[in-house]
């Protein structure tokens, strides 16, 4: 049975993808940058999960906003790792597609919720 929550599906798939990237980087002994990528990349999904049970609309928007910040940070780490040749172009493009989709979805949801509050 297919899930109806596209955002939750994408955040989970992206988290798995980030963990796989982390494993590859640690195999190459790239511990500092791999931990940064793992922390920010998995935080995106964790915050989306937390937002599901937010205590208020303001809490929901806050959690999505923080998730969006983590997504932007993850995008930075991915680009840095790619430009310094720790991540190949194929993996970078795949990761970028995932994170850009999440950023678009989070931005759209946040904007919609803010408009409902005014």
N, C-alpha and C. Protein backbone atom coordinates (compact mmCIF):
# COMPACT_ATOMS: atom_id res chain seq x y z
N UNK A 1 0.84 -1.18 0.00
CA UNK A 1 0.00 0.00 0.00
C UNK A 1 0.89 1.25 0.00
N UNK A 2 0.60 2.16 -0.91
CA UNK A 2 1.41 3.35 -1.06
C UNK A 2 0.97 4.44 -0.08
N UNK A 3 1.94 5.10 0.53
CA UNK A 3 1.66 6.17 1.48
C UNK A 3 1.11 7.39 0.76
N UNK A 4 0.23 8.11 1.45
CA UNK A 4 -0.35 9.32 0.87
C UNK A 4 0.43 10.57 1.26
N UNK A 5 1.38 10.44 2.17
CA UNK A 5 2.12 11.60 2.62
C UNK A 5 3.47 11.67 1.90
N UNK A 6 3.49 12.43 0.82
CA UNK A 6 4.68 12.52 -0.03
C UNK A 6 5.85 13.11 0.73
N UNK A 7 5.61 14.13 1.54
CA UNK A 7 6.68 14.76 2.30
C UNK A 7 7.35 13.77 3.25
N UNK A 8 6.55 12.99 3.96
CA UNK A 8 7.12 12.00 4.89
C UNK A 8 7.92 10.94 4.14
N UNK A 9 7.40 10.51 2.99
CA UNK A 9 8.12 9.52 2.19
C UNK A 9 9.46 10.07 1.72
N UNK A 10 9.44 11.31 1.21
CA UNK A 10 10.67 11.92 0.69
C UNK A 10 11.69 12.16 1.80
N UNK A 11 11.24 12.60 2.96
CA UNK A 11 12.19 12.87 4.04
C UNK A 11 12.83 11.58 4.52
N UNK A 12 12.07 10.49 4.53
CA UNK A 12 12.63 9.22 4.97
C UNK A 12 13.62 8.67 3.94
N UNK A 13 13.24 8.73 2.68
CA UNK A 13 14.13 8.28 1.60
C UNK A 13 15.41 9.11 1.61
N UNK A 14 15.28 10.42 1.81
CA UNK A 14 16.45 11.28 1.85
C UNK A 14 17.34 10.94 3.04
N UNK A 15 16.76 10.68 4.18
CA UNK A 15 17.56 10.32 5.37
C UNK A 15 18.37 9.05 5.12
N UNK A 16 17.75 8.07 4.49
CA UNK A 16 18.47 6.84 4.14
C UNK A 16 19.61 7.15 3.18
N UNK A 17 19.33 7.99 2.21
CA UNK A 17 20.35 8.40 1.24
C UNK A 17 21.53 9.08 1.94
N UNK A 18 21.24 9.95 2.88
CA UNK A 18 22.29 10.66 3.62
C UNK A 18 23.12 9.68 4.46
N UNK A 19 22.46 8.72 5.08
CA UNK A 19 23.19 7.71 5.86
C UNK A 19 24.12 6.92 4.95
N UNK A 20 23.67 6.60 3.75
CA UNK A 20 24.53 5.90 2.79
C UNK A 20 25.74 6.75 2.41
N UNK A 21 25.51 8.06 2.20
CA UNK A 21 26.61 8.98 1.90
C UNK A 21 27.60 9.01 3.07
N UNK A 22 27.05 9.08 4.28
CA UNK A 22 27.87 9.10 5.49
C UNK A 22 28.77 7.86 5.56
N UNK A 23 28.19 6.70 5.30
CA UNK A 23 28.97 5.46 5.34
C UNK A 23 30.12 5.50 4.34
N UNK A 24 29.84 5.98 3.12
CA UNK A 24 30.90 6.07 2.10
C UNK A 24 32.01 7.02 2.54
N UNK A 25 31.62 8.15 3.11
CA UNK A 25 32.61 9.14 3.54
C UNK A 25 33.45 8.63 4.70
N UNK A 26 32.83 7.93 5.63
CA UNK A 26 33.62 7.42 6.77
C UNK A 26 34.55 6.29 6.33
N UNK A 27 34.17 5.56 5.30
CA UNK A 27 35.08 4.54 4.76
C UNK A 27 36.35 5.19 4.21
N UNK A 28 36.20 6.45 3.75
CA UNK A 28 37.35 7.22 3.25
C UNK A 28 38.02 8.02 4.35
N UNK A 29 37.62 7.80 5.58
CA UNK A 29 38.18 8.48 6.75
C UNK A 29 37.88 9.98 6.78
N UNK A 30 36.76 10.38 6.20
CA UNK A 30 36.34 11.78 6.20
C UNK A 30 35.31 11.97 7.32
N UNK A 31 35.79 12.00 8.54
CA UNK A 31 34.90 11.96 9.70
C UNK A 31 34.21 13.29 10.00
N UNK A 32 34.92 14.39 9.93
CA UNK A 32 34.35 15.68 10.33
C UNK A 32 33.22 16.09 9.39
N UNK A 33 33.52 16.13 8.10
CA UNK A 33 32.49 16.55 7.14
C UNK A 33 31.36 15.54 7.05
N UNK A 34 31.67 14.26 7.18
CA UNK A 34 30.61 13.25 7.11
C UNK A 34 29.64 13.40 8.28
N UNK A 35 30.15 13.75 9.46
CA UNK A 35 29.27 13.94 10.61
C UNK A 35 28.39 15.18 10.43
N UNK A 36 28.95 16.23 9.84
CA UNK A 36 28.16 17.43 9.58
C UNK A 36 27.01 17.11 8.63
N UNK A 37 27.33 16.37 7.57
CA UNK A 37 26.31 15.98 6.59
C UNK A 37 25.25 15.09 7.24
N UNK A 38 25.68 14.12 8.03
CA UNK A 38 24.75 13.22 8.70
C UNK A 38 23.83 13.99 9.65
N UNK A 39 24.41 14.88 10.44
CA UNK A 39 23.63 15.64 11.43
C UNK A 39 22.57 16.51 10.75
N UNK A 40 23.00 17.33 9.79
CA UNK A 40 22.04 18.24 9.17
C UNK A 40 21.06 17.49 8.26
N UNK A 41 21.56 16.48 7.55
CA UNK A 41 20.70 15.74 6.63
C UNK A 41 19.60 14.95 7.31
N UNK A 42 19.93 14.31 8.43
CA UNK A 42 18.90 13.54 9.14
C UNK A 42 18.01 14.43 10.01
N UNK A 43 18.51 15.61 10.37
CA UNK A 43 17.69 16.55 11.14
C UNK A 43 16.49 17.02 10.33
N UNK A 44 16.65 17.11 9.02
CA UNK A 44 15.54 17.54 8.15
C UNK A 44 14.34 16.63 8.39
N UNK A 45 14.55 15.34 8.27
CA UNK A 45 13.46 14.38 8.45
C UNK A 45 12.94 14.33 9.87
N UNK A 46 13.84 14.41 10.84
CA UNK A 46 13.43 14.35 12.24
C UNK A 46 12.52 15.54 12.60
N UNK A 47 12.85 16.71 12.09
CA UNK A 47 12.04 17.89 12.38
C UNK A 47 10.68 17.83 11.68
N UNK A 48 10.65 17.26 10.49
CA UNK A 48 9.36 17.07 9.81
C UNK A 48 8.50 16.12 10.64
N UNK A 49 9.12 15.08 11.16
CA UNK A 49 8.39 14.13 12.01
C UNK A 49 7.88 14.83 13.27
N UNK A 50 8.71 15.65 13.90
CA UNK A 50 8.30 16.39 15.10
C UNK A 50 7.14 17.33 14.79
N UNK A 51 7.18 17.96 13.63
CA UNK A 51 6.13 18.92 13.26
C UNK A 51 4.76 18.26 13.18
N UNK A 52 4.75 16.98 12.88
CA UNK A 52 3.48 16.27 12.77
C UNK A 52 2.69 16.32 14.08
N UNK A 53 3.38 16.36 15.20
CA UNK A 53 2.72 16.41 16.50
C UNK A 53 3.03 17.72 17.24
N UNK A 54 3.13 18.78 16.48
CA UNK A 54 3.40 20.09 17.07
C UNK A 54 2.27 20.48 18.02
N UNK A 55 2.61 21.26 19.02
CA UNK A 55 1.63 21.64 20.04
C UNK A 55 0.72 22.78 19.59
N UNK A 56 1.15 23.50 18.56
CA UNK A 56 0.37 24.63 18.06
C UNK A 56 0.78 24.92 16.62
N UNK A 57 0.03 25.82 15.98
CA UNK A 57 0.42 26.22 14.62
C UNK A 57 1.79 26.88 14.62
N UNK A 58 2.03 27.70 15.64
CA UNK A 58 3.33 28.38 15.75
C UNK A 58 4.46 27.37 15.91
N UNK A 59 4.23 26.33 16.71
CA UNK A 59 5.23 25.28 16.90
C UNK A 59 5.46 24.53 15.59
N UNK A 60 4.38 24.24 14.87
CA UNK A 60 4.46 23.57 13.58
C UNK A 60 5.32 24.38 12.61
N UNK A 61 5.02 25.66 12.50
CA UNK A 61 5.77 26.54 11.59
C UNK A 61 7.23 26.63 12.03
N UNK A 62 7.46 26.71 13.33
CA UNK A 62 8.83 26.77 13.84
C UNK A 62 9.62 25.52 13.47
N UNK A 63 9.02 24.36 13.64
CA UNK A 63 9.72 23.11 13.32
C UNK A 63 10.00 23.01 11.81
N UNK A 64 9.04 23.42 10.99
CA UNK A 64 9.27 23.42 9.54
C UNK A 64 10.36 24.42 9.17
N UNK A 65 10.37 25.57 9.84
CA UNK A 65 11.40 26.58 9.56
C UNK A 65 12.79 26.06 9.90
N UNK A 66 12.91 25.38 11.02
CA UNK A 66 14.21 24.82 11.40
C UNK A 66 14.60 23.70 10.44
N UNK A 67 13.62 22.90 10.03
CA UNK A 67 13.89 21.85 9.05
C UNK A 67 14.39 22.45 7.74
N UNK A 68 13.80 23.56 7.35
CA UNK A 68 14.23 24.25 6.13
C UNK A 68 15.66 24.77 6.26
N UNK A 69 16.00 25.30 7.42
CA UNK A 69 17.38 25.74 7.67
C UNK A 69 18.35 24.56 7.60
N UNK A 70 17.97 23.44 8.18
CA UNK A 70 18.82 22.24 8.13
C UNK A 70 18.97 21.74 6.69
N UNK A 71 17.90 21.84 5.92
CA UNK A 71 17.95 21.43 4.52
C UNK A 71 18.92 22.32 3.74
N UNK A 72 18.88 23.61 4.01
CA UNK A 72 19.82 24.53 3.34
C UNK A 72 21.25 24.24 3.76
N UNK A 73 21.46 23.93 5.03
CA UNK A 73 22.81 23.57 5.49
C UNK A 73 23.27 22.28 4.81
N UNK A 74 22.39 21.32 4.69
CA UNK A 74 22.73 20.06 4.03
C UNK A 74 23.12 20.32 2.58
N UNK A 75 22.39 21.19 1.92
CA UNK A 75 22.71 21.56 0.54
C UNK A 75 24.13 22.13 0.45
N UNK A 76 24.48 22.96 1.42
CA UNK A 76 25.83 23.53 1.48
C UNK A 76 26.88 22.44 1.60
N UNK A 77 26.69 21.52 2.55
CA UNK A 77 27.67 20.45 2.77
C UNK A 77 27.80 19.56 1.53
N UNK A 78 26.68 19.28 0.89
CA UNK A 78 26.73 18.46 -0.33
C UNK A 78 27.55 19.15 -1.42
N UNK A 79 27.30 20.44 -1.60
CA UNK A 79 28.05 21.17 -2.63
C UNK A 79 29.54 21.24 -2.28
N UNK A 80 29.85 21.49 -1.03
CA UNK A 80 31.24 21.55 -0.59
C UNK A 80 31.93 20.20 -0.81
N UNK A 81 31.28 19.13 -0.42
CA UNK A 81 31.85 17.79 -0.60
C UNK A 81 32.03 17.45 -2.08
N UNK A 82 31.11 17.92 -2.90
CA UNK A 82 31.24 17.67 -4.34
C UNK A 82 32.39 18.47 -4.94
N UNK A 83 32.44 19.74 -4.62
CA UNK A 83 33.50 20.60 -5.19
C UNK A 83 34.90 20.22 -4.72
N UNK A 84 34.98 19.58 -3.59
CA UNK A 84 36.28 19.12 -3.09
C UNK A 84 36.52 17.64 -3.42
N UNK A 85 35.66 17.12 -4.26
CA UNK A 85 35.78 15.78 -4.84
C UNK A 85 35.66 14.63 -3.84
N UNK A 86 34.91 14.85 -2.78
CA UNK A 86 34.62 13.77 -1.85
C UNK A 86 33.35 13.01 -2.27
N UNK A 87 32.49 13.69 -3.02
CA UNK A 87 31.27 13.08 -3.56
C UNK A 87 31.32 13.24 -5.07
N UNK A 88 31.10 12.16 -5.78
CA UNK A 88 31.14 12.24 -7.24
C UNK A 88 29.88 12.95 -7.78
N UNK A 89 29.94 13.32 -9.04
CA UNK A 89 28.87 14.11 -9.66
C UNK A 89 27.54 13.39 -9.63
N UNK A 90 27.53 12.11 -9.91
CA UNK A 90 26.27 11.36 -9.92
C UNK A 90 25.59 11.38 -8.55
N UNK A 91 26.34 11.12 -7.50
CA UNK A 91 25.76 11.13 -6.15
C UNK A 91 25.37 12.54 -5.72
N UNK A 92 26.17 13.51 -6.12
CA UNK A 92 25.85 14.90 -5.80
C UNK A 92 24.53 15.31 -6.45
N UNK A 93 24.37 15.00 -7.74
CA UNK A 93 23.15 15.38 -8.45
C UNK A 93 21.92 14.68 -7.86
N UNK A 94 22.08 13.42 -7.50
CA UNK A 94 20.97 12.68 -6.89
C UNK A 94 20.61 13.31 -5.54
N UNK A 95 21.61 13.60 -4.72
CA UNK A 95 21.38 14.22 -3.41
C UNK A 95 20.76 15.60 -3.56
N UNK A 96 21.26 16.36 -4.52
CA UNK A 96 20.74 17.72 -4.75
C UNK A 96 19.28 17.69 -5.17
N UNK A 97 18.93 16.72 -5.99
CA UNK A 97 17.53 16.61 -6.40
C UNK A 97 16.64 16.34 -5.19
N UNK A 98 17.05 15.40 -4.35
CA UNK A 98 16.28 15.10 -3.13
C UNK A 98 16.12 16.35 -2.26
N UNK A 99 17.23 17.01 -1.96
CA UNK A 99 17.17 18.12 -1.01
C UNK A 99 16.43 19.31 -1.60
N UNK A 100 16.58 19.55 -2.90
CA UNK A 100 15.85 20.66 -3.53
C UNK A 100 14.35 20.41 -3.53
N UNK A 101 13.93 19.17 -3.72
CA UNK A 101 12.51 18.84 -3.64
C UNK A 101 11.99 19.07 -2.22
N UNK A 102 12.76 18.65 -1.23
CA UNK A 102 12.34 18.87 0.16
C UNK A 102 12.28 20.36 0.49
N UNK A 103 13.26 21.11 0.04
CA UNK A 103 13.26 22.56 0.28
C UNK A 103 12.02 23.20 -0.33
N UNK A 104 11.69 22.83 -1.56
CA UNK A 104 10.50 23.37 -2.23
C UNK A 104 9.23 23.03 -1.47
N UNK A 105 9.12 21.78 -1.06
CA UNK A 105 7.93 21.35 -0.33
C UNK A 105 7.81 22.05 1.01
N UNK A 106 8.91 22.12 1.75
CA UNK A 106 8.89 22.78 3.06
C UNK A 106 8.56 24.27 2.92
N UNK A 107 9.15 24.92 1.93
CA UNK A 107 8.88 26.34 1.71
C UNK A 107 7.41 26.57 1.38
N UNK A 108 6.86 25.71 0.54
CA UNK A 108 5.46 25.83 0.14
C UNK A 108 4.52 25.62 1.33
N UNK A 109 4.78 24.61 2.12
CA UNK A 109 3.93 24.33 3.30
C UNK A 109 4.03 25.48 4.29
N UNK A 110 5.24 25.95 4.53
CA UNK A 110 5.44 27.06 5.48
C UNK A 110 4.68 28.30 5.01
N UNK A 111 4.81 28.64 3.74
CA UNK A 111 4.12 29.81 3.18
C UNK A 111 2.61 29.66 3.31
N UNK A 112 2.09 28.49 3.00
CA UNK A 112 0.65 28.24 3.10
C UNK A 112 0.16 28.40 4.53
N UNK A 113 0.89 27.83 5.48
CA UNK A 113 0.49 27.92 6.89
C UNK A 113 0.55 29.36 7.39
N UNK A 114 1.57 30.10 6.96
CA UNK A 114 1.68 31.50 7.37
C UNK A 114 0.52 32.32 6.82
N UNK A 115 0.12 32.04 5.58
CA UNK A 115 -1.00 32.77 4.98
C UNK A 115 -2.31 32.47 5.72
N UNK A 116 -2.45 31.24 6.19
CA UNK A 116 -3.66 30.87 6.94
C UNK A 116 -3.73 31.59 8.29
N UNK A 117 -2.56 31.95 8.83
CA UNK A 117 -2.52 32.62 10.14
C UNK A 117 -2.80 34.11 10.05
N UNK A 118 -2.79 34.67 8.85
CA UNK A 118 -3.01 36.13 8.73
C UNK A 118 -4.44 36.46 8.45
